[in-house]
Amino acid sequence: LDLKLAWFSNELKKGNFGGPNIQNHGDLERVLGGISQHVLGALNLREYFRVNEALSIEAWKTSEATESRTSQQDTYELLKNSLLPSLGANRSGAVIPGEVSKQLCPNIDALKAHMSRLQSDLVAHFNGIE
């Protein structure tokens, strides 16, 4: 992101994308559009804001943690909180740690249901900031 922003800044200095002088709302809109298209679009940040289902299921399968039941809402919140540290860290998506998912989800179908909800929430959140 830093490298793409530095490149875009240099392009603005050269007079591209509405730069180097921003004097009105139209100039600002061109600059923001350029950031959206040439910086954020090129990076495809959406790839970082998703659940890596395959790795999360593999983590569940290989974990030796024991089950511990909680309410559906508590389970969802605990799974979401365990996912947050890896969110945005890897282009292939965030992974729910196996020791957490194994304690909270009695089977893979339960894990998949929670991952589906997490993915929907991530998409909605990303769309809100995009």
Foldseek 3Di string as FASTA:
>chain_A
DVVQVVVLQVCQVVVPQLHDDDDDPVSVVSSVVCCVVRPCVVVVLVLLLAELLVQQVVQQVPDPAAADEDDPVVLLVQQLVQFVVSRSVDSNYTHRHNNSCNHYPVDSVSVVVSRVVSRVVSVVVVVVVD
